[in-house]
Protein backbone atom coordinates (compact mmCIF):
# COMPACT_ATOMS: atom_id res chain seq x y z
CA MET A 1 -83.41 87.10 126.87
CA GLU A 2 -81.02 85.19 124.66
CA ALA A 3 -81.43 87.75 121.89
CA GLU A 4 -80.71 90.55 124.35
CA ALA A 5 -77.55 88.81 125.56
CA TRP A 6 -76.43 88.34 121.97
CA ARG A 7 -76.95 92.05 121.23
CA SER A 8 -74.98 92.91 124.38
CA ALA A 9 -72.10 90.74 123.28
CA ARG A 10 -72.27 92.17 119.77
CA SER A 11 -72.14 95.74 121.06
CA ARG A 12 -68.93 94.92 122.94
CA LEU A 13 -67.40 93.80 119.67
CA GLU A 14 -68.52 96.78 117.51
CA ASP A 15 -65.19 98.52 117.97
CA GLY A 16 -63.43 96.92 114.99
CA GLY A 17 -63.81 93.39 116.32
CA PHE A 18 -67.17 92.09 115.14
CA HIS A 19 -65.97 91.46 111.61
CA ARG A 20 -63.86 88.64 113.07
CA VAL A 21 -67.03 86.88 114.22
CA LYS A 22 -68.05 86.50 110.60
CA GLN A 23 -64.90 84.50 109.96
CA TRP A 24 -66.30 81.74 112.16
CA ARG A 25 -69.17 79.51 111.11
CA ASN A 26 -70.51 79.70 114.64
CA PRO A 27 -69.98 83.02 116.44
CA CYS A 28 -70.54 81.29 119.76
CA VAL A 29 -67.39 79.28 119.20
CA TRP A 30 -65.40 82.46 118.68
CA LEU A 31 -66.94 84.01 121.79
CA GLN A 32 -66.12 80.87 123.74
CA SER A 33 -62.47 81.22 122.75
CA GLU A 34 -62.31 84.95 123.42
CA LEU A 35 -64.37 85.28 126.61
CA ASP A 36 -63.65 83.81 130.02
CA PRO A 37 -65.61 80.52 130.26
CA ASN A 38 -65.30 80.63 134.05
CA ALA A 39 -67.00 83.99 134.37
CA ASP A 40 -70.44 83.98 136.02
CA THR A 41 -72.26 85.90 133.28
CA GLU A 42 -75.64 85.71 131.59
CA TRP A 43 -73.92 84.90 128.28
CA ASN A 44 -72.01 81.98 129.80
CA ASP A 45 -75.26 80.70 131.28
CA ILE A 46 -76.76 80.64 127.78
CA LEU A 47 -73.71 78.82 126.43
CA ARG A 48 -73.96 76.26 129.20
CA LYS A 49 -77.65 75.67 128.40
CA LYS A 50 -76.74 75.13 124.75
CA GLY A 51 -74.05 72.66 125.80
CA ILE A 52 -71.26 74.80 124.40
CA LEU A 53 -69.71 75.33 127.85
CA PRO A 54 -69.64 72.62 130.51
CA ALA A 55 -71.60 73.08 133.71
CA LYS A 56 -69.89 74.93 136.53
CA GLU A 57 -69.52 71.78 138.60
CA SER A 58 -68.03 69.86 135.66
CA LEU A 59 -65.65 72.70 134.93
CA LYS A 60 -64.41 72.76 138.52
CA GLU A 61 -63.93 69.00 138.48
CA LEU A 62 -61.99 69.23 135.23
CA GLU A 63 -59.76 71.95 136.67
CA LYS A 64 -59.18 69.89 139.81
CA GLU A 65 -58.33 66.79 137.79
CA ALA A 66 -55.97 68.80 135.61
CA GLU A 67 -54.17 70.18 138.68
CA GLU A 68 -53.89 66.71 140.25
CA GLU A 69 -52.54 65.26 137.00
CA GLU A 70 -50.01 68.07 136.72
CA GLN A 71 -48.87 67.49 140.31
CA ARG A 72 -48.62 63.74 139.72
CA ILE A 73 -46.50 64.24 136.61
CA LEU A 74 -44.30 66.68 138.51
CA GLN A 75 -43.80 64.23 141.38
CA GLN A 76 -43.02 61.43 138.96
CA SER A 77 -40.48 63.65 137.30
CA VAL A 78 -38.77 64.35 140.63
CA VAL A 79 -38.77 60.68 141.63
CA LYS A 80 -37.35 59.64 138.29
CA THR A 81 -34.67 62.28 138.65
CA TYR A 82 -33.26 61.06 141.94
CA GLU A 83 -33.86 57.38 141.21
CA ASP A 84 -31.53 57.77 138.25
CA MET A 85 -28.88 59.47 140.37
CA THR A 86 -25.86 57.88 141.97
CA LEU A 87 -25.15 58.38 145.68
CA GLU A 88 -22.63 61.10 144.78
CA GLU A 89 -25.16 62.93 142.58
CA LEU A 90 -27.76 62.83 145.34
CA GLU A 91 -25.28 64.55 147.64
CA GLU A 92 -24.52 67.23 145.05
CA ASN A 93 -28.18 68.02 144.26
CA GLU A 94 -29.75 67.70 147.73
CA ASP A 95 -30.34 71.51 147.93
CA GLU A 96 -32.71 71.35 144.95
CA PHE A 97 -35.32 69.15 146.69
CA ASN A 98 -38.04 70.21 149.11
CA GLU A 99 -38.68 68.68 152.52
CA GLU A 100 -41.02 65.96 151.23
CA ASP A 101 -38.58 65.05 148.47
CA GLU A 102 -35.72 64.91 150.96
CA ARG A 103 -37.55 62.34 153.09
CA ALA A 104 -38.19 60.18 150.03
CA ILE A 105 -34.62 60.68 148.86
CA GLU A 106 -33.21 59.71 152.25
CA MET A 107 -35.18 56.45 152.18
CA TYR A 108 -34.00 55.85 148.63
CA ARG A 109 -30.40 56.68 149.61
CA GLN A 110 -30.48 54.15 152.45
CA GLN A 111 -31.92 51.53 150.09
CA ARG A 112 -29.21 52.18 147.49
CA LEU A 113 -26.53 52.09 150.18
CA ALA A 114 -27.80 48.75 151.49
CA GLU A 115 -27.88 47.35 147.95
CA TRP A 116 -24.35 48.61 147.34
CA LYS A 117 -23.06 46.99 150.54
CA ALA A 118 -24.82 43.72 149.72
CA THR A 119 -23.31 43.71 146.23
CA LYS A 120 -19.86 44.45 147.59
CA LEU A 121 -20.15 41.64 150.13
CA LYS A 122 -21.57 39.24 147.57
CA ASN A 123 -18.78 39.89 145.10
CA LYS A 124 -16.07 40.23 147.73
CA PHE A 125 -13.90 37.28 146.72
CA GLY A 126 -14.00 35.50 143.36
CA GLU A 127 -10.59 33.81 143.66
CA VAL A 128 -8.76 31.26 145.80
CA LEU A 129 -6.65 32.99 148.46
CA GLU A 130 -3.35 31.48 149.59
CA ILE A 131 -2.79 31.54 153.35
CA SER A 132 -0.35 30.13 155.89
CA GLY A 133 -0.69 29.00 159.49
CA LYS A 134 -0.33 32.52 160.92
CA ASP A 135 -3.32 33.69 158.83
CA TYR A 136 -5.58 30.84 159.91
CA VAL A 137 -7.34 32.47 162.86
CA GLN A 138 -8.07 35.74 161.11
CA GLU A 139 -9.00 34.30 157.72
CA VAL A 140 -10.90 31.20 158.88
CA THR A 141 -12.18 31.24 162.44
CA GLN A 142 -12.77 35.01 162.42
CA ALA A 143 -13.86 35.28 158.80
CA GLY A 144 -17.18 36.97 159.56
CA GLU A 145 -20.82 36.45 160.36
CA GLY A 146 -22.74 34.26 157.93
CA LEU A 147 -19.65 33.68 155.76
CA TRP A 148 -18.83 30.26 154.36
CA VAL A 149 -15.13 29.39 154.14
CA ILE A 150 -13.69 26.51 152.09
CA LEU A 151 -10.07 25.63 152.89
CA HIS A 152 -8.02 23.22 150.80
CA LEU A 153 -4.89 21.71 152.39
CA TYR A 154 -2.54 20.58 149.64
CA LYS A 155 1.09 19.94 148.67
CA GLN A 156 2.98 20.55 145.50
CA GLY A 157 3.62 17.44 143.41
CA ILE A 158 0.35 15.67 144.25
CA PRO A 159 -1.72 15.54 141.03
CA LEU A 160 -5.12 15.33 142.73
CA CYS A 161 -4.29 18.43 144.82
CA ALA A 162 -3.45 20.31 141.63
CA LEU A 163 -6.73 19.17 140.04
CA ILE A 164 -8.77 20.31 143.06
CA ASN A 165 -7.02 23.69 143.08
CA GLN A 166 -8.05 24.09 139.45
CA HIS A 167 -11.68 23.19 140.23
CA LEU A 168 -11.75 25.53 143.24
CA SER A 169 -10.50 28.42 141.12
CA GLU A 170 -13.48 27.95 138.78
CA LEU A 171 -15.90 27.59 141.67
CA ALA A 172 -14.53 30.73 143.33
CA ARG A 173 -15.40 32.72 140.21
CA LYS A 174 -18.84 31.14 140.07
CA PHE A 175 -19.56 31.77 143.78
CA PRO A 176 -17.83 35.08 144.68
CA ASP A 177 -19.75 35.34 147.96
CA VAL A 178 -17.93 32.25 149.32
CA LYS A 179 -14.39 32.52 150.66
CA PHE A 180 -12.21 29.91 148.95
CA MET A 181 -8.70 29.42 150.34
CA LYS A 182 -5.79 27.03 150.04
CA ALA A 183 -2.73 26.38 152.17
CA ILE A 184 0.23 24.02 152.11
CA SER A 185 -0.79 21.42 154.66
CA THR A 186 2.24 21.55 156.94
CA THR A 187 2.10 25.35 157.25
CA CYS A 188 -1.31 25.06 158.89
CA ILE A 189 -0.96 21.70 160.65
CA PRO A 190 2.63 20.64 161.46
CA ASN A 191 3.48 17.06 160.42
CA TYR A 192 0.14 16.65 158.64
CA PRO A 193 0.49 13.29 156.76
CA ASP A 194 0.56 13.38 152.97
CA ARG A 195 -1.72 10.33 152.83
CA ASN A 196 -4.54 12.59 154.03
CA LEU A 197 -4.13 14.90 151.05
CA PRO A 198 -6.02 16.42 149.52
CA THR A 199 -8.10 17.67 152.45
CA ILE A 200 -10.95 20.16 152.32
CA PHE A 201 -12.47 21.75 155.42
CA VAL A 202 -15.78 23.64 155.21
CA TYR A 203 -16.41 26.34 157.85
CA LEU A 204 -19.29 28.58 158.79
CA GLU A 205 -18.55 31.33 161.32
CA GLY A 206 -15.48 29.43 162.52
CA ASP A 207 -17.21 26.07 163.00
CA ILE A 208 -16.35 23.05 160.84
CA LYS A 209 -19.45 21.95 158.94
CA ALA A 210 -17.82 19.31 156.70
CA GLN A 211 -14.46 17.73 155.96
CA PHE A 212 -13.18 15.67 153.04
CA ILE A 213 -9.94 13.82 153.80
CA GLY A 214 -7.89 11.68 151.44
CA PRO A 215 -8.03 10.80 147.73
CA LEU A 216 -10.71 8.09 148.07
CA VAL A 217 -13.30 10.64 149.24
CA PHE A 218 -12.87 12.58 146.02
CA GLY A 219 -12.89 9.56 143.73
CA GLY A 220 -9.35 10.02 142.46
CA MET A 221 -8.31 11.87 139.32
CA ASN A 222 -11.71 11.33 137.71
CA LEU A 223 -13.18 14.05 139.95
CA THR A 224 -14.99 16.71 137.90
CA ARG A 225 -15.74 20.28 138.87
CA ASP A 226 -19.48 19.59 138.96
CA GLU A 227 -18.95 16.63 141.30
CA LEU A 228 -16.91 18.81 143.67
CA GLU A 229 -19.55 21.55 143.45
CA TRP A 230 -22.25 19.04 144.37
CA LYS A 231 -20.25 17.74 147.35
CA LEU A 232 -19.85 21.26 148.74
CA SER A 233 -23.48 22.16 148.09
CA GLU A 234 -24.73 19.20 150.11
CA PHE A 235 -23.53 20.95 153.26
CA GLY A 236 -24.88 24.38 152.28
CA ALA A 237 -21.53 26.01 151.54
CA ILE A 238 -22.62 26.98 148.01
CA LYS A 239 -25.99 27.25 146.29
CA THR A 240 -25.56 25.14 143.21
CA ASP A 241 -27.67 25.35 140.08
CA LEU A 242 -27.10 21.65 139.43
CA GLU A 243 -30.38 19.75 139.57
CA GLU A 244 -28.93 16.38 140.53
CA ASN A 245 -25.71 14.69 141.57
CA PRO A 246 -23.58 14.51 138.40
CA LYS A 247 -22.00 11.28 139.62
CA LYS A 248 -25.31 9.56 140.29
CA PRO A 249 -25.85 8.28 136.71
CA ILE A 250 -22.41 6.63 136.76
CA GLU A 251 -23.15 4.98 140.09
CA ASP A 252 -26.53 3.77 138.78
CA VAL A 253 -24.91 2.25 135.68
CA LEU A 254 -22.32 0.45 137.79
CA LEU A 255 -25.01 -0.82 140.18
CA THR A 256 -27.14 -2.01 137.27
CA SER A 257 -24.15 -3.79 135.75
CA VAL A 258 -23.47 -5.57 139.05
CA ARG A 259 -27.09 -6.65 139.37
CA CYS A 260 -27.13 -7.98 135.82
CA SER A 261 -23.96 -9.98 136.38
CA VAL A 262 -25.31 -11.72 139.51
CA PRO A 263 -27.52 -14.73 138.60
CA THR A 264 -30.93 -14.87 140.22
CA ARG A 265 -32.05 -17.84 142.31
CA ARG A 266 -34.44 -18.96 139.60
CA ASP A 267 -31.60 -18.98 137.07
CA SER A 268 -29.44 -21.01 139.47
CA ASP A 269 -32.22 -23.53 140.00
CA SER A 270 -32.72 -23.87 136.25
CA GLU A 271 -29.06 -24.52 135.71
CA GLY A 272 -29.09 -27.17 138.49
CA ASP A 273 -31.95 -29.00 136.79
């Protein structure tokens, strides 16, 4: 039967085509490339038995896998396309997507919009704003939900106030999601005594969470930016990356020095003897 099938195939190639079979070391390979491997013929059955063509079931599975892979690559291409787009580009190209793509794109658009709003809110400030008494309600007590506000009451000519304004400017750039403000003391609180300056109030949603009043609280002109950052972070106003209180080592050294300078009871008894 195999010989008969071969003769049948050869007869179909007699019309000027069989000489091409001789160019191949294995004529079956040429026939495999020229004939339809999916056709349900006696010749294909022979080729399948010889292992030259895969079984019908394997062939169908291969075709199915190829189609699934092609569809997956196509979907990935579409997703990559709109993931790389800006919100404006999504609007311009929305007619090019099908219904399933549009649902995915809408979810992606909402996600990008939420990220954009969060970024805008997070980087909303970045500097110390100057206000007066008439701005207090709007800028402080009605600042917004979940927003921390740090207000520095100061006066010109007080060195420690100038130092704190300098530190707050640096902290405002470091923490742009926090609203840093300053105001001349008497414009916010009439007759506010200079002895209470500098003063810092810390607010959250209009409520005072902390207050620092007078030069002693800040440690005088030796106050560093890191020390001020740590003070504000202790009440949650800012999320510091400092791992420990920068003033703590100094306090420990002073405490150790005091302890070393005080004689113990045993030393006193020895001296008495």
